[in-house]
Amino acid sequence: MVEEAEELVEAEEQEAVIDPPDIDSKYRLIILAAQRSKQLQRGASPRVDLDPRRTKPTRIAMKEFEERKVDFSFTEKERQDAAPAD
């Protein structure tokens, strides 16, 4: 009986952990989730089945990235090397 309870607790803990999607760095994931969170705060509809009244926008954004419900792309920024001083 105790073992079953422990297994249930472990299963609940594993469900609570959100694995980040395949993005090249955790910093980029944070930036993308923050931008999506701002969109949600401004009234965008969540693309996952979570109650927005009970779930924080950041958690919703992370869940959307986990389920790959958000489309995004990376753009290359041109580097401007410092011009030599005359």
PDB file of N, CA and C in Angstrom:
ATOM      1  N   MET A   1       0.823  -1.190   0.000  1.00  0.00           N
ATOM      2  CA  MET A   1       0.000   0.000   0.000  1.00  0.00           C
ATOM      3  C   MET A   1       0.872   1.260   0.000  1.00  0.00           C
ATOM      4  N   VAL A   2       1.915   1.234   0.800  1.00  0.00           N
ATOM      5  CA  VAL A   2       2.817   2.382   0.869  1.00  0.00           C
ATOM      6  C   VAL A   2       3.550   2.554  -0.457  1.00  0.00           C
ATOM      7  N   GLU A   3       3.935   1.437  -1.061  1.00  0.00           N
ATOM      8  CA  GLU A   3       4.642   1.499  -2.341  1.00  0.00           C
ATOM      9  C   GLU A   3       3.769   2.121  -3.425  1.00  0.00           C
ATOM     10  N   GLU A   4       2.486   1.810  -3.426  1.00  0.00           N
ATOM     11  CA  GLU A   4       1.570   2.380  -4.408  1.00  0.00           C
ATOM     12  C   GLU A   4       1.458   3.887  -4.227  1.00  0.00           C
ATOM     13  N   ALA A   5       1.406   4.332  -2.974  1.00  0.00           N
ATOM     14  CA  ALA A   5       1.324   5.763  -2.692  1.00  0.00           C
ATOM     15  C   ALA A   5       2.589   6.471  -3.162  1.00  0.00           C
ATOM     16  N   GLU A   6       3.739   5.839  -2.920  1.00  0.00           N
ATOM     17  CA  GLU A   6       4.999   6.437  -3.360  1.00  0.00           C
ATOM     18  C   GLU A   6       5.064   6.531  -4.879  1.00  0.00           C
ATOM     19  N   GLU A   7       4.572   5.509  -5.568  1.00  0.00           N
ATOM     20  CA  GLU A   7       4.553   5.530  -7.029  1.00  0.00           C
ATOM     21  C   GLU A   7       3.647   6.636  -7.552  1.00  0.00           C
ATOM     22  N   LEU A   8       2.515   6.850  -6.892  1.00  0.00           N
ATOM     23  CA  LEU A   8       1.607   7.921  -7.302  1.00  0.00           C
ATOM     24  C   LEU A   8       2.256   9.283  -7.115  1.00  0.00           C
ATOM     25  N   VAL A   9       2.955   9.467  -5.996  1.00  0.00           N
ATOM     26  CA  VAL A   9       3.626  10.740  -5.737  1.00  0.00           C
ATOM     27  C   VAL A   9       4.700  10.981  -6.792  1.00  0.00           C
ATOM     28  N   GLU A  10       5.484   9.951  -7.117  1.00  0.00           N
ATOM     29  CA  GLU A  10       6.524  10.093  -8.139  1.00  0.00           C
ATOM     30  C   GLU A  10       5.922  10.416  -9.500  1.00  0.00           C
ATOM     31  N   ALA A  11       4.814   9.796  -9.846  1.00  0.00           N
ATOM     32  CA  ALA A  11       4.154  10.057 -11.128  1.00  0.00           C
ATOM     33  C   ALA A  11       3.657  11.493 -11.195  1.00  0.00           C
ATOM     34  N   GLU A  12       3.099  11.997 -10.093  1.00  0.00           N
ATOM     35  CA  GLU A  12       2.619  13.383 -10.070  1.00  0.00           C
ATOM     36  C   GLU A  12       3.774  14.356 -10.204  1.00  0.00           C
ATOM     37  N   GLU A  13       4.904  14.061  -9.551  1.00  0.00           N
ATOM     38  CA  GLU A  13       6.069  14.936  -9.648  1.00  0.00           C
ATOM     39  C   GLU A  13       6.602  14.967 -11.076  1.00  0.00           C
ATOM     40  N   GLN A  14       6.609  13.829 -11.746  1.00  0.00           N
ATOM     41  CA  GLN A  14       7.095  13.778 -13.120  1.00  0.00           C
ATOM     42  C   GLN A  14       6.180  14.548 -14.056  1.00  0.00           C
ATOM     43  N   GLU A  15       4.878  14.531 -13.806  1.00  0.00           N
ATOM     44  CA  GLU A  15       3.940  15.278 -14.641  1.00  0.00           C
ATOM     45  C   GLU A  15       4.107  16.774 -14.447  1.00  0.00           C
ATOM     46  N   ALA A  16       4.513  17.206 -13.251  1.00  0.00           N
ATOM     47  CA  ALA A  16       4.656  18.625 -12.963  1.00  0.00           C
ATOM     48  C   ALA A  16       5.876  19.220 -13.659  1.00  0.00           C
ATOM     49  N   VAL A  17       6.868  18.408 -13.974  1.00  0.00           N
ATOM     50  CA  VAL A  17       8.079  18.892 -14.619  1.00  0.00           C
ATOM     51  C   VAL A  17       7.818  19.059 -16.107  1.00  0.00           C
ATOM     52  N   ILE A  18       8.155  20.239 -16.632  1.00  0.00           N
ATOM     53  CA  ILE A  18       7.991  20.503 -18.062  1.00  0.00           C
ATOM     54  C   ILE A  18       9.369  20.448 -18.703  1.00  0.00           C
ATOM     55  N   ASP A  19       9.551  19.524 -19.631  1.00  0.00           N
ATOM     56  CA  ASP A  19      10.807  19.442 -20.370  1.00  0.00           C
ATOM     57  C   ASP A  19      10.780  20.491 -21.467  1.00  0.00           C
ATOM     58  N   PRO A  20      11.829  21.305 -21.561  1.00  0.00           N
ATOM     59  CA  PRO A  20      11.838  22.322 -22.611  1.00  0.00           C
ATOM     60  C   PRO A  20      11.944  21.689 -23.990  1.00  0.00           C
ATOM     61  N   PRO A  21      11.378  22.338 -24.997  1.00  0.00           N
ATOM     62  CA  PRO A  21      11.489  21.819 -26.363  1.00  0.00           C
ATOM     63  C   PRO A  21      12.925  21.927 -26.869  1.00  0.00           C
ATOM     64  N   ASP A  22      13.183  21.352 -28.019  1.00  0.00           N
ATOM     65  CA  ASP A  22      14.520  21.378 -28.591  1.00  0.00           C
ATOM     66  C   ASP A  22      14.830  22.762 -29.144  1.00  0.00           C
ATOM     67  N   ILE A  23      15.397  23.571 -28.323  1.00  0.00           N
ATOM     68  CA  ILE A  23      15.856  24.905 -28.704  1.00  0.00           C
ATOM     69  C   ILE A  23      17.334  24.937 -28.357  1.00  0.00           C
ATOM     70  N   ASP A  24      18.132  25.649 -29.136  1.00  0.00           N
ATOM     71  CA  ASP A  24      19.584  25.557 -29.004  1.00  0.00           C
ATOM     72  C   ASP A  24      20.151  25.980 -27.655  1.00  0.00           C
ATOM     73  N   SER A  25      19.425  26.778 -26.869  1.00  0.00           N
ATOM     74  CA  SER A  25      19.917  27.136 -25.539  1.00  0.00           C
ATOM     75  C   SER A  25      18.753  27.458 -24.615  1.00  0.00           C
ATOM     76  N   LYS A  26      18.992  27.283 -23.333  1.00  0.00           N
ATOM     77  CA  LYS A  26      17.940  27.569 -22.360  1.00  0.00           C
ATOM     78  C   LYS A  26      17.649  29.068 -22.304  1.00  0.00           C
ATOM     79  N   TYR A  27      18.622  29.873 -22.642  1.00  0.00           N
ATOM     80  CA  TYR A  27      18.422  31.319 -22.618  1.00  0.00           C
ATOM     81  C   TYR A  27      17.463  31.750 -23.729  1.00  0.00           C
ATOM     82  N   ARG A  28      17.599  31.130 -24.883  1.00  0.00           N
ATOM     83  CA  ARG A  28      16.691  31.439 -25.987  1.00  0.00           C
ATOM     84  C   ARG A  28      15.273  30.997 -25.638  1.00  0.00           C
ATOM     85  N   LEU A  29      15.147  29.856 -24.962  1.00  0.00           N
ATOM     86  CA  LEU A  29      13.837  29.376 -24.532  1.00  0.00           C
ATOM     87  C   LEU A  29      13.188  30.379 -23.586  1.00  0.00           C
ATOM     88  N   ILE A  30      13.955  30.917 -22.659  1.00  0.00           N
ATOM     89  CA  ILE A  30      13.422  31.891 -21.703  1.00  0.00           C
ATOM     90  C   ILE A  30      12.956  33.145 -22.432  1.00  0.00           C
ATOM     91  N   ILE A  31      13.733  33.608 -23.390  1.00  0.00           N
ATOM     92  CA  ILE A  31      13.357  34.805 -24.152  1.00  0.00           C
ATOM     93  C   ILE A  31      12.080  34.553 -24.939  1.00  0.00           C
ATOM     94  N   LEU A  32      11.999  33.400 -25.606  1.00  0.00           N
ATOM     95  CA  LEU A  32      10.806  33.075 -26.386  1.00  0.00           C
ATOM     96  C   LEU A  32       9.579  32.929 -25.492  1.00  0.00           C
ATOM     97  N   ALA A  33       9.739  32.269 -24.356  1.00  0.00           N
ATOM     98  CA  ALA A  33       8.612  32.085 -23.435  1.00  0.00           C
ATOM     99  C   ALA A  33       8.164  33.423 -22.855  1.00  0.00           C
ATOM    100  N   ALA A  34       9.101  34.316 -22.584  1.00  0.00           N
ATOM    101  CA  ALA A  34       8.739  35.640 -22.063  1.00  0.00           C
ATOM    102  C   ALA A  34       7.955  36.434 -23.103  1.00  0.00           C
ATOM    103  N   GLN A  35       8.378  36.361 -24.354  1.00  0.00           N
ATOM    104  CA  GLN A  35       7.650  37.064 -25.411  1.00  0.00           C
ATOM    105  C   GLN A  35       6.246  36.494 -25.578  1.00  0.00           C
ATOM    106  N   ARG A  36       6.133  35.178 -25.543  1.00  0.00           N
ATOM    107  CA  ARG A  36       4.806  34.550 -25.666  1.00  0.00           C
ATOM    108  C   ARG A  36       3.950  34.877 -24.450  1.00  0.00           C
ATOM    109  N   SER A  37       4.552  34.933 -23.278  1.00  0.00           N
ATOM    110  CA  SER A  37       3.829  35.279 -22.056  1.00  0.00           C
ATOM    111  C   SER A  37       3.243  36.689 -22.150  1.00  0.00           C
ATOM    112  N   LYS A  38       4.005  37.617 -22.710  1.00  0.00           N
ATOM    113  CA  LYS A  38       3.496  38.979 -22.907  1.00  0.00           C
ATOM    114  C   LYS A  38       2.295  38.977 -23.840  1.00  0.00           C
ATOM    115  N   GLN A  39       2.365  38.166 -24.905  1.00  0.00           N
ATOM    116  CA  GLN A  39       1.228  38.067 -25.824  1.00  0.00           C
ATOM    117  C   GLN A  39      -0.010  37.550 -25.095  1.00  0.00           C
ATOM    118  N   LEU A  40       0.182  36.549 -24.245  1.00  0.00           N
ATOM    119  CA  LEU A  40      -0.944  35.987 -23.495  1.00  0.00           C
ATOM    120  C   LEU A  40      -1.524  37.017 -22.528  1.00  0.00           C
ATOM    121  N   GLN A  41      -0.658  37.795 -21.884  1.00  0.00           N
ATOM    122  CA  GLN A  41      -1.122  38.823 -20.953  1.00  0.00           C
ATOM    123  C   GLN A  41      -1.900  39.916 -21.669  1.00  0.00           C
ATOM    124  N   ARG A  42      -1.578  40.138 -22.928  1.00  0.00           N
ATOM    125  CA  ARG A  42      -2.277  41.167 -23.710  1.00  0.00           C
ATOM    126  C   ARG A  42      -3.549  40.645 -24.363  1.00  0.00           C
ATOM    127  N   GLY A  43      -3.889  39.369 -24.111  1.00  0.00           N
ATOM    128  CA  GLY A  43      -5.166  38.864 -24.593  1.00  0.00           C
ATOM    129  C   GLY A  43      -5.122  37.773 -25.640  1.00  0.00           C
ATOM    130  N   ALA A  44      -3.945  37.309 -26.007  1.00  0.00           N
ATOM    131  CA  ALA A  44      -3.856  36.217 -26.986  1.00  0.00           C
ATOM    132  C   ALA A  44      -4.452  34.946 -26.392  1.00  0.00           C
ATOM    133  N   SER A  45      -5.052  34.143 -27.235  1.00  0.00           N
ATOM    134  CA  SER A  45      -5.667  32.894 -26.777  1.00  0.00           C
ATOM    135  C   SER A  45      -4.605  31.824 -26.570  1.00  0.00           C
ATOM    136  N   PRO A  46      -4.675  31.108 -25.447  1.00  0.00           N
ATOM    137  CA  PRO A  46      -3.732  30.006 -25.232  1.00  0.00           C
ATOM    138  C   PRO A  46      -3.969  28.889 -26.240  1.00  0.00           C
ATOM    139  N   ARG A  47      -2.913  28.234 -26.655  1.00  0.00           N
ATOM    140  CA  ARG A  47      -3.009  27.153 -27.636  1.00  0.00           C
ATOM    141  C   ARG A  47      -2.933  25.777 -26.980  1.00  0.00           C
ATOM    142  N   VAL A  48      -2.994  25.756 -25.667  1.00  0.00           N
ATOM    143  CA  VAL A  48      -3.017  24.502 -24.917  1.00  0.00           C
ATOM    144  C   VAL A  48      -4.250  24.495 -24.032  1.00  0.00           C
ATOM    145  N   ASP A  49      -4.575  23.327 -23.535  1.00  0.00           N
ATOM    146  CA  ASP A  49      -5.795  23.164 -22.757  1.00  0.00           C
ATOM    147  C   ASP A  49      -5.522  23.391 -21.270  1.00  0.00           C
ATOM    148  N   LEU A  50      -5.210  24.638 -20.902  1.00  0.00           N
ATOM    149  CA  LEU A  50      -5.015  25.029 -19.508  1.00  0.00           C
ATOM    150  C   LEU A  50      -5.929  26.212 -19.220  1.00  0.00           C
ATOM    151  N   ASP A  51      -6.431  26.292 -18.004  1.00  0.00           N
ATOM    152  CA  ASP A  51      -7.321  27.384 -17.625  1.00  0.00           C
ATOM    153  C   ASP A  51      -6.496  28.649 -17.386  1.00  0.00           C
ATOM    154  N   PRO A  52      -6.644  29.682 -18.227  1.00  0.00           N
ATOM    155  CA  PRO A  52      -5.835  30.895 -18.063  1.00  0.00           C
ATOM    156  C   PRO A  52      -6.138  31.660 -16.779  1.00  0.00           C
ATOM    157  N   ARG A  53      -7.287  31.396 -16.165  1.00  0.00           N
ATOM    158  CA  ARG A  53      -7.604  32.076 -14.907  1.00  0.00           C
ATOM    159  C   ARG A  53      -6.852  31.457 -13.729  1.00  0.00           C
ATOM    160  N   ARG A  54      -6.438  30.203 -13.875  1.00  0.00           N
ATOM    161  CA  ARG A  54      -5.768  29.500 -12.780  1.00  0.00           C
ATOM    162  C   ARG A  54      -4.294  29.219 -13.057  1.00  0.00           C
ATOM    163  N   THR A  55      -3.851  29.474 -14.266  1.00  0.00           N
ATOM    164  CA  THR A  55      -2.482  29.151 -14.658  1.00  0.00           C
ATOM    165  C   THR A  55      -1.765  30.425 -15.081  1.00  0.00           C
ATOM    166  N   LYS A  56      -0.550  30.592 -14.612  1.00  0.00           N
ATOM    167  CA  LYS A  56       0.232  31.779 -14.954  1.00  0.00           C
ATOM    168  C   LYS A  56       0.585  31.772 -16.439  1.00  0.00           C
ATOM    169  N   PRO A  57       0.665  32.961 -17.047  1.00  0.00           N
ATOM    170  CA  PRO A  57       1.007  33.042 -18.476  1.00  0.00           C
ATOM    171  C   PRO A  57       2.350  32.397 -18.813  1.00  0.00           C
ATOM    172  N   THR A  58       3.310  32.478 -17.899  1.00  0.00           N
ATOM    173  CA  THR A  58       4.608  31.859 -18.180  1.00  0.00           C
ATOM    174  C   THR A  58       4.497  30.339 -18.247  1.00  0.00           C
ATOM    175  N   ARG A  59       3.690  29.746 -17.390  1.00  0.00           N
ATOM    176  CA  ARG A  59       3.488  28.292 -17.401  1.00  0.00           C
ATOM    177  C   ARG A  59       2.767  27.875 -18.687  1.00  0.00           C
ATOM    178  N   ILE A  60       1.788  28.684 -19.101  1.00  0.00           N
ATOM    179  CA  ILE A  60       1.070  28.396 -20.352  1.00  0.00           C
ATOM    180  C   ILE A  60       2.039  28.463 -21.531  1.00  0.00           C
ATOM    181  N   ALA A  61       2.886  29.496 -21.552  1.00  0.00           N
ATOM    182  CA  ALA A  61       3.852  29.655 -22.645  1.00  0.00           C
ATOM    183  C   ALA A  61       4.811  28.468 -22.703  1.00  0.00           C
ATOM    184  N   MET A  62       5.315  28.029 -21.554  1.00  0.00           N
ATOM    185  CA  MET A  62       6.228  26.889 -21.529  1.00  0.00           C
ATOM    186  C   MET A  62       5.534  25.619 -22.021  1.00  0.00           C
ATOM    187  N   LYS A  63       4.282  25.437 -21.640  1.00  0.00           N
ATOM    188  CA  LYS A  63       3.521  24.265 -22.080  1.00  0.00           C
ATOM    189  C   LYS A  63       3.307  24.312 -23.597  1.00  0.00           C
ATOM    190  N   GLU A  64       3.050  25.507 -24.123  1.00  0.00           N
ATOM    191  CA  GLU A  64       2.884  25.660 -25.569  1.00  0.00           C
ATOM    192  C   GLU A  64       4.164  25.274 -26.308  1.00  0.00           C
ATOM    193  N   PHE A  65       5.312  25.678 -25.782  1.00  0.00           N
ATOM    194  CA  PHE A  65       6.578  25.313 -26.416  1.00  0.00           C
ATOM    195  C   PHE A  65       6.840  23.822 -26.285  1.00  0.00           C
ATOM    196  N   GLU A  66       6.481  23.248 -25.146  1.00  0.00           N
ATOM    197  CA  GLU A  66       6.667  21.810 -24.952  1.00  0.00           C
ATOM    198  C   GLU A  66       5.859  21.009 -25.969  1.00  0.00           C
ATOM    199  N   GLU A  67       4.638  21.448 -26.223  1.00  0.00           N
ATOM    200  CA  GLU A  67       3.766  20.739 -27.160  1.00  0.00           C
ATOM    201  C   GLU A  67       3.944  21.218 -28.597  1.00  0.00           C
ATOM    202  N   ARG A  68       4.902  22.109 -28.796  1.00  0.00           N
ATOM    203  CA  ARG A  68       5.214  22.646 -30.128  1.00  0.00           C
ATOM    204  C   ARG A  68       3.992  23.278 -30.793  1.00  0.00           C
ATOM    205  N   LYS A  69       3.275  24.082 -30.015  1.00  0.00           N
ATOM    206  CA  LYS A  69       2.083  24.761 -30.516  1.00  0.00           C
ATOM    207  C   LYS A  69       2.387  26.183 -30.975  1.00  0.00           C
ATOM    208  N   VAL A  70       3.608  26.646 -30.757  1.00  0.00           N
ATOM    209  CA  VAL A  70       3.985  28.013 -31.104  1.00  0.00           C
ATOM    210  C   VAL A  70       4.960  27.964 -32.273  1.00  0.00           C
ATOM    211  N   ASP A  71       4.651  28.720 -33.302  1.00  0.00           N
ATOM    212  CA  ASP A  71       5.556  28.824 -34.444  1.00  0.00           C
ATOM    213  C   ASP A  71       6.510  29.986 -34.209  1.00  0.00           C
ATOM    214  N   PHE A  72       7.768  29.758 -34.460  1.00  0.00           N
ATOM    215  CA  PHE A  72       8.749  30.827 -34.339  1.00  0.00           C
ATOM    216  C   PHE A  72       9.891  30.524 -35.280  1.00  0.00           C
ATOM    217  N   SER A  73      10.670  31.535 -35.572  1.00  0.00           N
ATOM    218  CA  SER A  73      11.853  31.336 -36.403  1.00  0.00           C
ATOM    219  C   SER A  73      12.946  32.262 -35.904  1.00  0.00           C
ATOM    220  N   PHE A  74      14.165  31.887 -36.193  1.00  0.00           N
ATOM    221  CA  PHE A  74      15.307  32.691 -35.805  1.00  0.00           C
ATOM    222  C   PHE A  74      15.753  33.498 -37.012  1.00  0.00           C
ATOM    223  N   THR A  75      16.080  34.737 -36.791  1.00  0.00           N
ATOM    224  CA  THR A  75      16.595  35.567 -37.873  1.00  0.00           C
ATOM    225  C   THR A  75      18.049  35.892 -37.581  1.00  0.00           C
ATOM    226  N   GLU A  76      18.822  35.933 -38.622  1.00  0.00           N
ATOM    227  CA  GLU A  76      20.231  36.266 -38.467  1.00  0.00           C
ATOM    228  C   GLU A  76      20.382  37.778 -38.397  1.00  0.00           C
ATOM    229  N   LYS A  77      21.118  38.216 -37.429  1.00  0.00           N
ATOM    230  CA  LYS A  77      21.375  39.635 -37.273  1.00  0.00           C
ATOM    231  C   LYS A  77      22.760  39.916 -37.859  1.00  0.00           C
ATOM    232  N   GLU A  78      22.826  40.922 -38.718  1.00  0.00           N
ATOM    233  CA  GLU A  78      24.113  41.254 -39.324  1.00  0.00           C
ATOM    234  C   GLU A  78      25.018  41.870 -38.274  1.00  0.00           C
ATOM    235  N   ARG A  79      26.235  41.359 -38.221  1.00  0.00           N
ATOM    236  CA  ARG A  79      27.211  41.931 -37.298  1.00  0.00           C
ATOM    237  C   ARG A  79      27.841  43.156 -37.938  1.00  0.00           C
ATOM    238  N   GLN A  80      27.912  44.188 -37.168  1.00  0.00           N
ATOM    239  CA  GLN A  80      28.581  45.398 -37.639  1.00  0.00           C
ATOM    240  C   GLN A  80      29.875  45.522 -36.853  1.00  0.00           C
ATOM    241  N   ASP A  81      30.962  45.168 -37.500  1.00  0.00           N
ATOM    242  CA  ASP A  81      32.257  45.280 -36.840  1.00  0.00           C
ATOM    243  C   ASP A  81      32.598  46.757 -36.696  1.00  0.00           C
ATOM    244  N   ALA A  82      33.313  47.047 -35.657  1.00  0.00           N
ATOM    245  CA  ALA A  82      33.694  48.439 -35.403  1.00  0.00           C
ATOM    246  C   ALA A  82      34.583  48.941 -36.539  1.00  0.00           C
ATOM    247  N   ALA A  83      34.230  50.087 -37.054  1.00  0.00           N
ATOM    248  CA  ALA A  83      35.020  50.685 -38.135  1.00  0.00           C
ATOM    249  C   ALA A  83      36.309  51.244 -37.540  1.00  0.00           C
ATOM    250  N   PRO A  84      37.427  51.083 -38.238  1.00  0.00           N
ATOM    251  CA  PRO A  84      38.692  51.619 -37.714  1.00  0.00           C
ATOM    252  C   PRO A  84      38.651  53.146 -37.654  1.00  0.00           C
ATOM    253  N   ALA A  85      39.180  53.664 -36.586  1.00  0.00           N
ATOM    254  CA  ALA A  85      39.217  55.126 -36.411  1.00  0.00           C
ATOM    255  C   ALA A  85      40.338  55.711 -37.262  1.00  0.00           C
ATOM    256  N   ASP A  86      40.072  56.859 -37.871  1.00  0.00           N
ATOM    257  CA  ASP A  86      41.094  57.533 -38.694  1.00  0.00           C
ATOM    258  C   ASP A  86      41.912  58.464 -37.871  1.00  0.00           C
TER     259      ASP A  86
END
